[in-house]
C-alpha atoms as a PDB file:
ATOM      1  CA  MET A   1     164.886 -30.361-157.069  1.00  0.00           C
ATOM      2  CA  ASN A   2     166.728 -33.618-157.103  1.00  0.00           C
ATOM      3  CA  LYS A   3     170.216 -33.123-158.529  1.00  0.00           C
ATOM      4  CA  LEU A   4     170.661 -36.948-159.154  1.00  0.00           C
ATOM      5  CA  LEU A   5     167.751 -37.090-161.563  1.00  0.00           C
ATOM      6  CA  ASP A   6     167.875 -36.045-165.225  1.00  0.00           C
ATOM      7  CA  LYS A   7     164.710 -34.008-165.729  1.00  0.00           C
ATOM      8  CA  ASP A   8     165.008 -33.996-169.478  1.00  0.00           C
ATOM      9  CA  LYS A   9     165.183 -37.736-169.640  1.00  0.00           C
ATOM     10  CA  MET A  10     162.172 -38.114-167.456  1.00  0.00           C
ATOM     11  CA  MET A  11     160.210 -35.575-169.327  1.00  0.00           C
ATOM     12  CA  ALA A  12     161.068 -37.429-172.519  1.00  0.00           C
ATOM     13  CA  CYS A  13     159.117 -40.471-171.062  1.00  0.00           C
ATOM     14  CA  ALA A  14     155.978 -38.566-170.706  1.00  0.00           C
ATOM     15  CA  ARG A  15     153.295 -38.619-173.335  1.00  0.00           C
ATOM     16  CA  GLY A  16     150.840 -35.908-173.088  1.00  0.00           C
ATOM     17  CA  ARG A  17     149.940 -33.120-170.568  1.00  0.00           C
ATOM     18  CA  TRP A  18     148.783 -35.480-167.894  1.00  0.00           C
ATOM     19  CA  GLN A  19     151.867 -37.559-167.852  1.00  0.00           C
ATOM     20  CA  ARG A  20     154.006 -34.414-167.973  1.00  0.00           C
ATOM     21  CA  GLN A  21     152.262 -33.026-164.903  1.00  0.00           C
ATOM     22  CA  ILE A  22     152.951 -36.329-163.088  1.00  0.00           C
ATOM     23  CA  VAL A  23     156.722 -36.269-163.894  1.00  0.00           C
ATOM     24  CA  GLU A  24     156.950 -32.639-162.820  1.00  0.00           C
ATOM     25  CA  TYR A  25     155.483 -33.611-159.466  1.00  0.00           C
ATOM     26  CA  LEU A  26     157.736 -36.652-159.130  1.00  0.00           C
ATOM     27  CA  TYR A  27     160.750 -34.534-160.002  1.00  0.00           C
ATOM     28  CA  TYR A  28     160.252 -31.716-157.575  1.00  0.00           C
ATOM     29  CA  ASP A  29     158.427 -33.451-154.757  1.00  0.00           C
ATOM     30  CA  GLY A  30     159.803 -37.009-154.944  1.00  0.00           C
ATOM     31  CA  GLU A  31     156.383 -38.518-154.495  1.00  0.00           C
ATOM     32  CA  ILE A  32     152.750 -37.941-155.592  1.00  0.00           C
ATOM     33  CA  THR A  33     149.277 -39.357-154.516  1.00  0.00           C
ATOM     34  CA  ASN A  34     147.726 -41.682-156.965  1.00  0.00           C
ATOM     35  CA  PRO A  35     147.114 -39.559-160.062  1.00  0.00           C
ATOM     36  CA  ILE A  36     144.027 -41.594-160.898  1.00  0.00           C
ATOM     37  CA  SER A  37     142.385 -39.975-157.918  1.00  0.00           C
ATOM     38  CA  TRP A  38     142.875 -36.621-159.559  1.00  0.00           C
ATOM     39  CA  LEU A  39     140.518 -37.237-162.341  1.00  0.00           C
ATOM     40  CA  GLN A  40     137.343 -35.198-162.634  1.00  0.00           C
ATOM     41  CA  GLY A  41     134.300 -34.981-164.718  1.00  0.00           C
ATOM     42  CA  THR A  42     134.141 -37.020-167.871  1.00  0.00           C
ATOM     43  CA  ALA A  43     137.823 -38.109-167.460  1.00  0.00           C
ATOM     44  CA  ARG A  44     136.610 -40.530-164.706  1.00  0.00           C
ATOM     45  CA  GLU A  45     134.738 -42.438-167.422  1.00  0.00           C
ATOM     46  CA  TYR A  46     138.159 -43.242-168.903  1.00  0.00           C
ATOM     47  CA  LYS A  47     139.730 -44.343-165.589  1.00  0.00           C
ATOM     48  CA  GLN A  48     140.908 -47.663-167.001  1.00  0.00           C
ATOM     49  CA  ARG A  49     142.881 -45.916-169.724  1.00  0.00           C
ATOM     50  CA  TYR A  50     144.473 -43.493-167.280  1.00  0.00           C
ATOM     51  CA  GLU A  51     145.459 -46.415-165.182  1.00  0.00           C
ATOM     52  CA  GLU A  52     147.202 -48.113-168.219  1.00  0.00           C
ATOM     53  CA  SER A  53     148.818 -44.682-169.196  1.00  0.00           C
ATOM     54  CA  PHE A  54     150.143 -44.329-165.584  1.00  0.00           C
ATOM     55  CA  SER A  55     151.519 -47.813-165.638  1.00  0.00           C
ATOM     56  CA  ASN A  56     153.123 -47.154-169.170  1.00  0.00           C
ATOM     57  CA  LEU A  57     154.770 -43.972-167.744  1.00  0.00           C
ATOM     58  CA  ILE A  58     156.255 -45.904-164.775  1.00  0.00           C
ATOM     59  CA  SER A  59     157.601 -48.531-167.102  1.00  0.00           C
ATOM     60  CA  ARG A  60     159.153 -45.926-169.494  1.00  0.00           C
ATOM     61  CA  LEU A  61     160.666 -43.972-166.458  1.00  0.00           C
ATOM     62  CA  GLU A  62     162.456 -47.179-165.370  1.00  0.00           C
ATOM     63  CA  ALA A  63     163.509 -48.468-168.692  1.00  0.00           C
ATOM     64  CA  ASP A  64     164.555 -45.059-170.250  1.00  0.00           C
ATOM     65  CA  ALA A  65     165.509 -42.713-167.558  1.00  0.00           C
ATOM     66  CA  GLY A  66     166.548 -45.245-164.916  1.00  0.00           C
ATOM     67  CA  VAL A  67     164.031 -43.914-162.364  1.00  0.00           C
ATOM     68  CA  LYS A  68     162.205 -46.468-160.206  1.00  0.00           C
ATOM     69  CA  VAL A  69     158.651 -45.302-159.139  1.00  0.00           C
ATOM     70  CA  ARG A  70     156.999 -47.464-156.440  1.00  0.00           C
ATOM     71  CA  ILE A  71     154.237 -47.260-154.003  1.00  0.00           C
ATOM     72  CA  VAL A  72     155.839 -45.725-150.930  1.00  0.00           C
ATOM     73  CA  GLN A  73     152.566 -45.765-148.796  1.00  0.00           C
ATOM     74  CA  TYR A  74     149.337 -47.609-149.377  1.00  0.00           C
ATOM     75  CA  GLY A  75     145.950 -45.950-148.936  1.00  0.00           C
ATOM     76  CA  PRO A  76     144.029 -45.894-145.572  1.00  0.00           C
ATOM     77  CA  ARG A  77     142.306 -49.248-146.370  1.00  0.00           C
ATOM     78  CA  GLY A  78     145.592 -50.714-147.866  1.00  0.00           C
ATOM     79  CA  GLY A  79     144.596 -50.149-151.464  1.00  0.00           C
ATOM     80  CA  ARG A  80     146.105 -48.263-154.451  1.00  0.00           C
ATOM     81  CA  TRP A  81     143.498 -45.591-154.672  1.00  0.00           C
ATOM     82  CA  GLY A  82     144.806 -43.480-151.917  1.00  0.00           C
ATOM     83  CA  ALA A  83     148.406 -44.735-152.197  1.00  0.00           C
ATOM     84  CA  LYS A  84     151.390 -42.444-152.636  1.00  0.00           C
ATOM     85  CA  TYR A  85     154.075 -43.207-155.322  1.00  0.00           C
ATOM     86  CA  GLY A  86     157.449 -42.082-154.941  1.00  0.00           C
ATOM     87  CA  ILE A  87     161.091 -42.414-156.423  1.00  0.00           C
ATOM     88  CA  VAL A  88     163.009 -45.043-154.844  1.00  0.00           C
END
């Protein structure tokens, strides 16, 4: 648990269960693998919407909670699919 971060402010930025799960991982672990790669089943058909949702979450975290989330490690081929995002 990171004492410098305000979990309540971070959770207030999340819209929906998927975003809350992302915020939980970021808060406790400090980094996550690209959450788009977590999608399974029919959710994969809506990948573009999830990408937009993730981007919006990152924007809200920065604007409302003062938390900067950036790519800390690109994927094996230099892309975003296997990238890791972390709090910087």
